[in-house]
Amino acid sequence: MEGVVSIGSGAQLVEQQVYKNTVTGGWRLVFTVKPDIEPAGAEKTPPERKPLVEMRSFLKYKDRVLTETWTYGAAL
């Protein structure tokens, strides 16, 4: 089982993990993203004024895609 994660410009993938959910029997993908550069005063900038970073992910096994593609845009 493999998680495929792509991160748009403005951030980078720090880590990702795929593991079996013991309660549901399904699979779970977890990943961490951080901004490329944290400009001075960024913590004071309201989220609606920060540029969005697009994130996409899905699970695959060998060459077969197993899930839909999750897509999300977030202000980091």
N, C-alpha and C. Protein backbone atom coordinates (compact mmCIF):
# COMPACT_ATOMS: atom_id res chain seq x y z
N MET A 1 0.85 -1.17 0.00
CA MET A 1 0.00 0.00 0.00
C MET A 1 0.90 1.23 0.00
N GLU A 2 0.55 2.18 -0.82
CA GLU A 2 1.37 3.39 -0.94
C GLU A 2 0.48 4.62 -0.97
N GLY A 3 0.88 5.64 -0.24
CA GLY A 3 0.21 6.92 -0.30
C GLY A 3 0.92 7.80 -1.31
N VAL A 4 0.15 8.43 -2.18
CA VAL A 4 0.71 9.36 -3.16
C VAL A 4 0.22 10.75 -2.77
N VAL A 5 1.16 11.63 -2.45
CA VAL A 5 0.83 12.97 -1.98
C VAL A 5 1.55 13.98 -2.87
N SER A 6 0.82 14.97 -3.34
CA SER A 6 1.46 16.07 -4.07
C SER A 6 1.07 17.39 -3.40
N ILE A 7 2.04 18.25 -3.29
CA ILE A 7 1.87 19.54 -2.62
C ILE A 7 2.23 20.63 -3.62
N GLY A 8 1.34 21.62 -3.76
CA GLY A 8 1.58 22.71 -4.69
C GLY A 8 2.67 23.65 -4.20
N SER A 9 2.91 24.70 -4.96
CA SER A 9 3.97 25.65 -4.61
C SER A 9 3.63 26.38 -3.31
N GLY A 10 4.68 26.69 -2.56
CA GLY A 10 4.53 27.42 -1.31
C GLY A 10 4.66 26.55 -0.07
N ALA A 11 4.77 25.23 -0.27
CA ALA A 11 4.91 24.33 0.88
C ALA A 11 5.64 23.06 0.45
N GLN A 12 5.98 22.24 1.44
CA GLN A 12 6.66 20.98 1.13
C GLN A 12 6.15 19.88 2.06
N LEU A 13 6.20 18.68 1.56
CA LEU A 13 5.81 17.50 2.32
C LEU A 13 6.94 17.16 3.29
N VAL A 14 6.63 17.03 4.57
CA VAL A 14 7.62 16.73 5.59
C VAL A 14 7.69 15.22 5.82
N GLU A 15 6.53 14.59 5.97
CA GLU A 15 6.49 13.14 6.17
C GLU A 15 5.11 12.62 5.79
N GLN A 16 5.04 11.32 5.56
CA GLN A 16 3.76 10.67 5.31
C GLN A 16 3.83 9.24 5.83
N GLN A 17 2.67 8.73 6.24
CA GLN A 17 2.57 7.37 6.75
C GLN A 17 1.28 6.76 6.23
N VAL A 18 1.33 5.48 5.91
CA VAL A 18 0.13 4.72 5.56
C VAL A 18 0.07 3.55 6.53
N TYR A 19 -1.09 3.38 7.16
CA TYR A 19 -1.23 2.26 8.08
C TYR A 19 -2.65 1.74 8.07
N LYS A 20 -2.81 0.52 8.50
CA LYS A 20 -4.12 -0.12 8.54
C LYS A 20 -4.87 0.36 9.78
N ASN A 21 -6.12 0.76 9.59
CA ASN A 21 -6.99 1.18 10.68
C ASN A 21 -7.56 -0.09 11.32
N THR A 22 -7.17 -0.36 12.55
CA THR A 22 -7.57 -1.61 13.21
C THR A 22 -9.05 -1.65 13.56
N VAL A 23 -9.70 -0.50 13.62
CA VAL A 23 -11.13 -0.46 13.94
C VAL A 23 -11.97 -0.77 12.71
N THR A 24 -11.66 -0.12 11.59
CA THR A 24 -12.49 -0.28 10.38
C THR A 24 -11.95 -1.34 9.43
N GLY A 25 -10.66 -1.66 9.56
CA GLY A 25 -10.04 -2.60 8.62
C GLY A 25 -9.58 -1.94 7.34
N GLY A 26 -9.87 -0.64 7.21
CA GLY A 26 -9.43 0.10 6.02
C GLY A 26 -8.03 0.66 6.21
N TRP A 27 -7.61 1.48 5.27
CA TRP A 27 -6.28 2.08 5.30
C TRP A 27 -6.38 3.56 5.57
N ARG A 28 -5.35 4.11 6.17
CA ARG A 28 -5.32 5.53 6.49
C ARG A 28 -4.00 6.13 6.03
N LEU A 29 -4.09 7.30 5.42
CA LEU A 29 -2.91 8.06 4.99
C LEU A 29 -2.85 9.32 5.84
N VAL A 30 -1.71 9.57 6.45
CA VAL A 30 -1.49 10.75 7.27
C VAL A 30 -0.23 11.42 6.75
N PHE A 31 -0.28 12.75 6.58
CA PHE A 31 0.93 13.46 6.15
C PHE A 31 1.03 14.82 6.80
N THR A 32 2.27 15.33 6.84
CA THR A 32 2.57 16.62 7.43
C THR A 32 3.17 17.53 6.37
N VAL A 33 2.70 18.77 6.35
CA VAL A 33 3.15 19.76 5.37
C VAL A 33 3.62 21.00 6.13
N LYS A 34 4.66 21.66 5.60
CA LYS A 34 5.09 22.92 6.19
C LYS A 34 5.34 23.94 5.09
N PRO A 35 5.14 25.24 5.40
CA PRO A 35 5.40 26.28 4.40
C PRO A 35 6.87 26.29 4.01
N ASP A 36 7.14 26.65 2.74
CA ASP A 36 8.53 26.75 2.27
C ASP A 36 9.32 27.76 3.09
N ILE A 37 8.79 28.95 3.18
CA ILE A 37 9.45 30.03 3.91
C ILE A 37 8.39 30.74 4.75
N GLU A 38 8.70 30.94 5.99
CA GLU A 38 7.79 31.66 6.89
C GLU A 38 8.23 33.12 6.96
N PRO A 39 7.55 34.01 6.20
CA PRO A 39 7.97 35.41 6.21
C PRO A 39 7.78 36.05 7.58
N ALA A 40 8.58 37.06 7.87
CA ALA A 40 8.46 37.79 9.14
C ALA A 40 7.05 38.34 9.28
N GLY A 41 6.47 38.14 10.44
CA GLY A 41 5.13 38.65 10.70
C GLY A 41 4.02 37.77 10.15
N ALA A 42 4.35 36.60 9.61
CA ALA A 42 3.33 35.74 9.00
C ALA A 42 2.28 35.28 10.01
N GLU A 43 2.69 35.12 11.27
CA GLU A 43 1.74 34.66 12.28
C GLU A 43 0.64 35.69 12.53
N LYS A 44 0.87 36.94 12.15
CA LYS A 44 -0.13 38.00 12.33
C LYS A 44 -1.02 38.17 11.10
N THR A 45 -0.67 37.51 10.00
CA THR A 45 -1.46 37.62 8.78
C THR A 45 -2.69 36.72 8.89
N PRO A 46 -3.88 37.28 8.71
CA PRO A 46 -5.09 36.45 8.79
C PRO A 46 -5.09 35.38 7.69
N PRO A 47 -5.61 34.18 7.97
CA PRO A 47 -5.60 33.08 6.99
C PRO A 47 -6.20 33.46 5.64
N GLU A 48 -7.23 34.30 5.62
CA GLU A 48 -7.87 34.66 4.34
C GLU A 48 -6.97 35.52 3.46
N ARG A 49 -5.88 36.05 4.00
CA ARG A 49 -4.95 36.86 3.21
C ARG A 49 -3.72 36.08 2.79
N LYS A 50 -3.55 34.86 3.29
CA LYS A 50 -2.41 34.03 2.91
C LYS A 50 -2.74 33.28 1.62
N PRO A 51 -1.74 33.03 0.77
CA PRO A 51 -2.01 32.26 -0.45
C PRO A 51 -2.35 30.81 -0.11
N LEU A 52 -3.22 30.22 -0.92
CA LEU A 52 -3.59 28.83 -0.72
C LEU A 52 -2.53 27.89 -1.28
N VAL A 53 -2.30 26.80 -0.58
CA VAL A 53 -1.43 25.73 -1.04
C VAL A 53 -2.32 24.54 -1.36
N GLU A 54 -2.23 24.05 -2.58
CA GLU A 54 -3.06 22.92 -2.99
C GLU A 54 -2.39 21.61 -2.61
N MET A 55 -3.17 20.70 -2.03
CA MET A 55 -2.69 19.38 -1.63
C MET A 55 -3.60 18.33 -2.25
N ARG A 56 -3.00 17.26 -2.73
CA ARG A 56 -3.76 16.13 -3.29
C ARG A 56 -3.15 14.83 -2.79
N SER A 57 -4.01 13.84 -2.60
CA SER A 57 -3.50 12.54 -2.18
C SER A 57 -4.47 11.42 -2.55
N PHE A 58 -3.92 10.22 -2.68
CA PHE A 58 -4.72 9.01 -2.89
C PHE A 58 -3.88 7.81 -2.50
N LEU A 59 -4.54 6.68 -2.36
CA LEU A 59 -3.85 5.43 -2.04
C LEU A 59 -3.79 4.56 -3.27
N LYS A 60 -2.67 3.85 -3.43
CA LYS A 60 -2.55 2.91 -4.53
C LYS A 60 -1.81 1.66 -4.05
N TYR A 61 -2.03 0.58 -4.78
CA TYR A 61 -1.32 -0.67 -4.52
C TYR A 61 -0.73 -1.13 -5.84
N LYS A 62 0.59 -1.22 -5.89
CA LYS A 62 1.33 -1.49 -7.13
C LYS A 62 0.95 -0.43 -8.14
N ASP A 63 0.37 -0.80 -9.29
CA ASP A 63 -0.01 0.20 -10.30
C ASP A 63 -1.49 0.55 -10.26
N ARG A 64 -2.20 0.07 -9.26
CA ARG A 64 -3.65 0.25 -9.21
C ARG A 64 -4.05 1.31 -8.18
N VAL A 65 -4.76 2.33 -8.62
CA VAL A 65 -5.28 3.37 -7.71
C VAL A 65 -6.48 2.79 -6.98
N LEU A 66 -6.51 2.90 -5.65
CA LEU A 66 -7.55 2.29 -4.85
C LEU A 66 -8.60 3.26 -4.32
N THR A 67 -8.27 4.54 -4.29
CA THR A 67 -9.19 5.51 -3.70
C THR A 67 -9.43 6.68 -4.64
N GLU A 68 -10.42 7.46 -4.29
CA GLU A 68 -10.62 8.72 -4.99
C GLU A 68 -9.47 9.65 -4.63
N THR A 69 -9.29 10.73 -5.38
CA THR A 69 -8.25 11.71 -5.08
C THR A 69 -8.82 12.76 -4.15
N TRP A 70 -8.18 12.92 -3.01
CA TRP A 70 -8.55 13.94 -2.05
C TRP A 70 -7.82 15.21 -2.45
N THR A 71 -8.55 16.34 -2.56
CA THR A 71 -7.97 17.61 -2.95
C THR A 71 -8.38 18.67 -1.94
N TYR A 72 -7.43 19.48 -1.52
CA TYR A 72 -7.71 20.49 -0.51
C TYR A 72 -6.79 21.68 -0.70
N GLY A 73 -7.28 22.86 -0.45
CA GLY A 73 -6.47 24.07 -0.49
C GLY A 73 -6.46 24.69 0.90
N ALA A 74 -5.29 25.01 1.42
CA ALA A 74 -5.18 25.56 2.77
C ALA A 74 -4.21 26.73 2.79
N ALA A 75 -4.50 27.70 3.63
CA ALA A 75 -3.58 28.81 3.86
C ALA A 75 -2.64 28.40 4.98
N LEU A 76 -1.39 28.20 4.65
CA LEU A 76 -0.42 27.77 5.66
C LEU A 76 0.28 28.98 6.22
